[in-house]
Amino acid sequence: MLELSFEKEVVKTLTTGSNQWVERKDLYGATPDQLWANFRDKLNNNNYAKLQGHPLTDTEFNQVKRAIEVRTPYEAAKLLAAENGIGKVEVERDDAKLGTVTLECFGKRTSLAVNLVMKWSDKQCDHG
């Protein structure tokens, strides 16, 4: 139940005021595979020019998944704050003619969500 209240607080904060995030009710109750598919779609769309119109293959997307796996909050912060607050991942393309591409995975808007999560977590540790 605590997790549900946390999720509702995050959504409320990110979708009100000047944040202008859009609540995706279609992802409520989504499976991990559906969430990964959504992330992959966003990654392909947000990096269309860098991908030269060639969406990530399964093998390439698995490289991204491995690169963003983190075990500690410190690792997550490093990934998110990488270069000017933009988390990037380098992917070796399956088609050698396409070479290697550096994809932007997380931007400053994502960092806002992470900051909110960290503040909420701190509050729960202090009062929980």
C-alpha atoms as a PDB file:
ATOM      1  CA  MET A   1       0.000   0.000   0.000  1.00  0.00           C
ATOM      2  CA  LEU A   2       2.917   2.333   0.733  1.00  0.00           C
ATOM      3  CA  GLU A   3       4.180   1.818  -2.813  1.00  0.00           C
ATOM      4  CA  LEU A   4       0.804   2.790  -4.302  1.00  0.00           C
ATOM      5  CA  SER A   5       0.688   6.050  -2.325  1.00  0.00           C
ATOM      6  CA  PHE A   6       4.239   6.765  -3.457  1.00  0.00           C
ATOM      7  CA  GLU A   7       3.336   6.164  -7.112  1.00  0.00           C
ATOM      8  CA  LYS A   8       0.292   8.430  -6.841  1.00  0.00           C
ATOM      9  CA  GLU A   9       2.399  11.187  -5.240  1.00  0.00           C
ATOM     10  CA  VAL A  10       5.016  10.957  -8.000  1.00  0.00           C
ATOM     11  CA  VAL A  11       2.390  11.076 -10.769  1.00  0.00           C
ATOM     12  CA  LYS A  12       0.593  13.998  -9.133  1.00  0.00           C
ATOM     13  CA  THR A  13       3.812  15.985  -8.753  1.00  0.00           C
ATOM     14  CA  LEU A  14       5.030  15.298 -12.282  1.00  0.00           C
ATOM     15  CA  THR A  15       1.723  16.084 -13.995  1.00  0.00           C
ATOM     16  CA  THR A  16       0.827  19.344 -12.243  1.00  0.00           C
ATOM     17  CA  GLY A  17       2.162  22.869 -12.289  1.00  0.00           C
ATOM     18  CA  SER A  18       5.104  23.617 -14.526  1.00  0.00           C
ATOM     19  CA  ASN A  19       6.276  19.989 -14.854  1.00  0.00           C
ATOM     20  CA  GLN A  20       3.966  19.202 -17.805  1.00  0.00           C
ATOM     21  CA  TRP A  21       4.456  15.462 -17.815  1.00  0.00           C
ATOM     22  CA  VAL A  22       1.591  13.444 -19.263  1.00  0.00           C
ATOM     23  CA  GLU A  23       0.078  10.706 -17.134  1.00  0.00           C
ATOM     24  CA  ARG A  24       0.072   7.411 -19.042  1.00  0.00           C
ATOM     25  CA  LYS A  25      -2.902   5.529 -17.624  1.00  0.00           C
ATOM     26  CA  ASP A  26      -2.450   2.936 -20.361  1.00  0.00           C
ATOM     27  CA  LEU A  27       0.703   1.810 -18.561  1.00  0.00           C
ATOM     28  CA  TYR A  28      -1.017   1.178 -15.214  1.00  0.00           C
ATOM     29  CA  GLY A  29      -0.655  -2.504 -14.469  1.00  0.00           C
ATOM     30  CA  ALA A  30       1.808  -2.944 -17.325  1.00  0.00           C
ATOM     31  CA  THR A  31       4.099  -5.951 -17.248  1.00  0.00           C
ATOM     32  CA  PRO A  32       7.873  -5.457 -17.169  1.00  0.00           C
ATOM     33  CA  ASP A  33       8.000  -6.479 -20.845  1.00  0.00           C
ATOM     34  CA  GLN A  34       5.415  -3.802 -21.721  1.00  0.00           C
ATOM     35  CA  LEU A  35       7.394  -1.179 -19.801  1.00  0.00           C
ATOM     36  CA  TRP A  36      10.600  -2.159 -21.598  1.00  0.00           C
ATOM     37  CA  ALA A  37       8.746  -1.962 -24.942  1.00  0.00           C
ATOM     38  CA  ASN A  38       7.527   1.530 -24.051  1.00  0.00           C
ATOM     39  CA  PHE A  39      11.063   2.583 -23.083  1.00  0.00           C
ATOM     40  CA  ARG A  40      12.396   1.150 -26.344  1.00  0.00           C
ATOM     41  CA  ASP A  41       9.801   3.110 -28.356  1.00  0.00           C
ATOM     42  CA  LYS A  42      10.767   6.325 -26.532  1.00  0.00           C
ATOM     43  CA  LEU A  43      14.459   5.618 -27.075  1.00  0.00           C
ATOM     44  CA  ASN A  44      13.957   5.004 -30.801  1.00  0.00           C
ATOM     45  CA  ASN A  45      11.767   8.106 -31.201  1.00  0.00           C
ATOM     46  CA  ASN A  46      13.969  10.434 -29.153  1.00  0.00           C
ATOM     47  CA  ASN A  47      17.118   9.309 -30.990  1.00  0.00           C
ATOM     48  CA  TYR A  48      15.645   8.968 -34.481  1.00  0.00           C
ATOM     49  CA  ALA A  49      18.276  11.138 -36.177  1.00  0.00           C
ATOM     50  CA  LYS A  50      21.170   9.432 -34.403  1.00  0.00           C
ATOM     51  CA  LEU A  51      19.755   6.030 -35.349  1.00  0.00           C
ATOM     52  CA  GLN A  52      19.514   7.222 -38.962  1.00  0.00           C
ATOM     53  CA  GLY A  53      15.991   5.862 -39.217  1.00  0.00           C
ATOM     54  CA  HIS A  54      17.074   2.342 -38.175  1.00  0.00           C
ATOM     55  CA  PRO A  55      15.359   1.415 -34.886  1.00  0.00           C
ATOM     56  CA  LEU A  56      17.294  -0.629 -32.353  1.00  0.00           C
ATOM     57  CA  THR A  57      17.405  -4.362 -32.933  1.00  0.00           C
ATOM     58  CA  ASP A  58      16.761  -6.742 -30.030  1.00  0.00           C
ATOM     59  CA  THR A  59      20.506  -7.264 -29.601  1.00  0.00           C
ATOM     60  CA  GLU A  60      21.169  -3.525 -29.582  1.00  0.00           C
ATOM     61  CA  PHE A  61      18.372  -2.864 -27.113  1.00  0.00           C
ATOM     62  CA  ASN A  62      19.796  -5.542 -24.822  1.00  0.00           C
ATOM     63  CA  GLN A  63      23.045  -3.538 -24.801  1.00  0.00           C
ATOM     64  CA  VAL A  64      21.043  -0.544 -23.557  1.00  0.00           C
ATOM     65  CA  LYS A  65      19.306  -2.611 -20.886  1.00  0.00           C
ATOM     66  CA  ARG A  66      22.629  -3.937 -19.587  1.00  0.00           C
ATOM     67  CA  ALA A  67      24.140  -0.447 -19.581  1.00  0.00           C
ATOM     68  CA  ILE A  68      21.366   1.057 -17.473  1.00  0.00           C
ATOM     69  CA  GLU A  69      21.171  -1.722 -14.908  1.00  0.00           C
ATOM     70  CA  VAL A  70      22.228  -0.165 -11.639  1.00  0.00           C
ATOM     71  CA  ARG A  71      22.598  -1.681  -8.216  1.00  0.00           C
ATOM     72  CA  THR A  72      22.939   1.388  -6.035  1.00  0.00           C
ATOM     73  CA  PRO A  73      21.512   4.911  -5.862  1.00  0.00           C
ATOM     74  CA  TYR A  74      25.053   6.185  -6.516  1.00  0.00           C
ATOM     75  CA  GLU A  75      25.237   4.272  -9.822  1.00  0.00           C
ATOM     76  CA  ALA A  76      21.815   5.635 -10.783  1.00  0.00           C
ATOM     77  CA  ALA A  77      22.900   9.192  -9.979  1.00  0.00           C
ATOM     78  CA  LYS A  78      26.057   8.780 -12.079  1.00  0.00           C
ATOM     79  CA  LEU A  79      24.038   7.546 -15.035  1.00  0.00           C
ATOM     80  CA  LEU A  80      21.471  10.328 -14.778  1.00  0.00           C
ATOM     81  CA  ALA A  81      23.923  13.154 -14.167  1.00  0.00           C
ATOM     82  CA  ALA A  82      26.420  12.027 -16.758  1.00  0.00           C
ATOM     83  CA  GLU A  83      26.931  14.886 -19.206  1.00  0.00           C
ATOM     84  CA  ASN A  84      24.978  18.057 -18.457  1.00  0.00           C
ATOM     85  CA  GLY A  85      22.268  15.993 -16.787  1.00  0.00           C
ATOM     86  CA  ILE A  86      21.774  13.762 -19.824  1.00  0.00           C
ATOM     87  CA  GLY A  87      22.330  10.036 -19.323  1.00  0.00           C
ATOM     88  CA  LYS A  88      23.816   8.474 -22.432  1.00  0.00           C
ATOM     89  CA  VAL A  89      24.534   4.931 -23.564  1.00  0.00           C
ATOM     90  CA  GLU A  90      26.882   3.839 -26.318  1.00  0.00           C
ATOM     91  CA  VAL A  91      25.550   1.073 -28.575  1.00  0.00           C
ATOM     92  CA  GLU A  92      27.473  -0.959 -31.129  1.00  0.00           C
ATOM     93  CA  ARG A  93      25.099  -1.388 -34.075  1.00  0.00           C
ATOM     94  CA  ASP A  94      24.504  -4.879 -35.488  1.00  0.00           C
ATOM     95  CA  ASP A  95      25.004  -3.509 -38.984  1.00  0.00           C
ATOM     96  CA  ALA A  96      28.693  -2.580 -39.045  1.00  0.00           C
ATOM     97  CA  LYS A  97      27.967   0.121 -41.654  1.00  0.00           C
ATOM     98  CA  LEU A  98      25.982   1.995 -38.973  1.00  0.00           C
ATOM     99  CA  GLY A  99      28.930   1.914 -36.570  1.00  0.00           C
ATOM    100  CA  THR A 100      28.542   2.918 -32.937  1.00  0.00           C
ATOM    101  CA  VAL A 101      25.913   5.370 -31.732  1.00  0.00           C
ATOM    102  CA  THR A 102      25.578   7.272 -28.459  1.00  0.00           C
ATOM    103  CA  LEU A 103      21.939   7.431 -27.419  1.00  0.00           C
ATOM    104  CA  GLU A 104      20.386   9.872 -24.982  1.00  0.00           C
ATOM    105  CA  CYS A 105      18.429   7.733 -22.524  1.00  0.00           C
ATOM    106  CA  PHE A 106      17.608  10.092 -19.689  1.00  0.00           C
ATOM    107  CA  GLY A 107      17.266  13.851 -19.753  1.00  0.00           C
ATOM    108  CA  LYS A 108      16.757  16.592 -17.238  1.00  0.00           C
ATOM    109  CA  ARG A 109      13.035  15.798 -16.949  1.00  0.00           C
ATOM    110  CA  THR A 110      13.962  12.301 -15.800  1.00  0.00           C
ATOM    111  CA  SER A 111      16.314  13.795 -13.230  1.00  0.00           C
ATOM    112  CA  LEU A 112      13.343  15.711 -11.807  1.00  0.00           C
ATOM    113  CA  ALA A 113      11.551  12.417 -11.228  1.00  0.00           C
ATOM    114  CA  VAL A 114      14.631  10.863  -9.641  1.00  0.00           C
ATOM    115  CA  ASN A 115      15.059  13.839  -7.309  1.00  0.00           C
ATOM    116  CA  LEU A 116      11.428  13.499  -6.278  1.00  0.00           C
ATOM    117  CA  VAL A 117      11.897   9.783  -5.597  1.00  0.00           C
ATOM    118  CA  MET A 118      15.042  10.395  -3.553  1.00  0.00           C
ATOM    119  CA  LYS A 119      13.363  13.108  -1.464  1.00  0.00           C
ATOM    120  CA  TRP A 120      10.363  10.876  -0.838  1.00  0.00           C
ATOM    121  CA  SER A 121      12.645   7.965   0.098  1.00  0.00           C
ATOM    122  CA  ASP A 122      14.577  10.147   2.546  1.00  0.00           C
ATOM    123  CA  LYS A 123      11.303  11.258   4.107  1.00  0.00           C
ATOM    124  CA  GLN A 124      10.186   7.644   4.535  1.00  0.00           C
ATOM    125  CA  CYS A 125      13.513   6.674   6.117  1.00  0.00           C
ATOM    126  CA  ASP A 126      13.330   9.588   8.545  1.00  0.00           C
ATOM    127  CA  HIS A 127       9.701   8.981   9.499  1.00  0.00           C
ATOM    128  CA  GLY A 128       9.061   5.390   8.431  1.00  0.00           C
END
